[in-house]
Protein backbone atom coordinates (compact mmCIF):
# COMPACT_ATOMS: atom_id res chain seq x y z
CA MET A 1 -2.17 -12.54 -0.49
CA ALA A 2 -3.04 -15.70 0.02
CA PHE A 3 -0.59 -17.48 2.89
CA SER A 4 2.97 -17.91 1.66
CA ALA A 5 6.62 -18.62 2.29
CA ALA A 6 5.63 -14.03 3.10
CA ASP A 7 3.86 -14.71 6.21
CA LEU A 8 7.12 -15.95 8.24
CA THR A 9 9.48 -13.62 6.13
CA LEU A 10 11.41 -10.42 8.22
CA LEU A 11 12.25 -7.81 6.31
CA ARG A 12 14.41 -5.42 7.30
CA ILE A 13 13.98 -1.54 6.16
CA ARG A 14 15.81 1.26 6.82
CA CYS A 15 14.87 4.36 8.68
CA ALA A 16 15.81 7.39 7.33
CA ALA A 17 16.24 9.82 10.92
CA CYS A 18 18.36 7.23 12.92
CA GLY A 19 20.00 5.07 10.00
CA GLN A 20 19.01 2.08 11.96
CA HIS A 21 16.89 -1.19 10.19
CA THR A 22 13.34 -1.93 11.35
CA GLU A 23 12.33 -5.77 11.28
CA LYS A 24 8.71 -6.35 10.25
CA LEU A 25 7.25 -9.51 8.76
CA VAL A 26 6.68 -8.98 4.74
CA THR A 27 2.41 -9.32 5.16
CA VAL A 28 2.86 -6.56 7.43
CA LEU A 29 4.89 -4.41 5.47
CA ALA A 30 3.01 -4.77 2.04
CA LYS A 31 -0.59 -3.95 3.87
CA ARG A 32 0.81 -0.28 5.15
CA ASP A 33 1.79 2.88 4.45
CA SER A 34 4.56 3.68 7.40
CA ILE A 35 6.17 1.64 10.29
CA PRO A 36 7.46 3.24 13.76
CA CYS A 37 11.20 2.72 13.91
CA GLY A 38 12.17 0.13 16.08
CA VAL A 39 15.36 2.52 17.87
CA CYS A 40 14.31 6.43 17.41
CA GLY A 41 10.35 6.33 16.99
CA MET A 42 9.81 8.57 14.21
CA LEU A 43 7.92 6.90 10.91
CA ILE A 44 9.33 4.84 8.08
CA ASP A 45 7.70 5.90 5.17
CA LEU A 46 7.27 2.15 3.08
CA LYS A 47 5.36 4.46 0.03
CA THR A 48 9.01 5.65 -0.91
CA PRO A 49 10.03 4.13 -4.29
CA HIS A 50 12.84 2.20 -2.80
CA ASN A 51 10.63 0.78 0.14
CA ALA A 52 8.32 0.24 -2.17
CA LEU A 53 10.03 -1.41 -4.66
CA LEU A 54 11.98 -3.76 -1.63
CA ILE A 55 8.34 -4.77 -0.16
CA LYS A 56 6.84 -5.75 -3.37
CA GLU A 57 9.56 -7.92 -4.88
CA THR A 58 10.39 -9.23 -1.61
CA ALA A 59 6.54 -10.12 -1.84
CA GLU A 60 6.29 -11.48 -4.88
CA SER A 61 9.37 -14.06 -4.33
CA CYS A 62 7.86 -15.14 -1.66
CA ALA A 63 4.87 -15.94 -3.37
CA ARG A 64 6.50 -17.75 -6.13
CA ILE A 65 8.97 -20.00 -3.35
CA GLY A 66 5.54 -20.64 -1.73
CA VAL A 67 4.14 -22.01 -5.33
CA ALA A 68 7.01 -24.15 -5.84
CA LEU A 69 7.37 -25.54 -2.18
CA THR A 70 3.70 -27.11 -2.66
CA LYS A 71 4.27 -28.32 -5.88
CA ILE A 72 7.37 -30.17 -4.24
CA SER A 73 4.36 -32.08 -1.27
């Protein structure tokens, strides 16, 4: 993935164990299978259909925004 708005975009992922949210950069989430919850420490599965779709759509939106911003400059 080339540099885009995703490099600066945080995405909140909900922990199934405790219900709290953990924030990570979209570029980090796109490269991992799981992340530890910032509250309880349990692993959050990023490959569930919901999380995978959320990460994919956010990364694609960031890429589109990045392209649009580079055309403005």
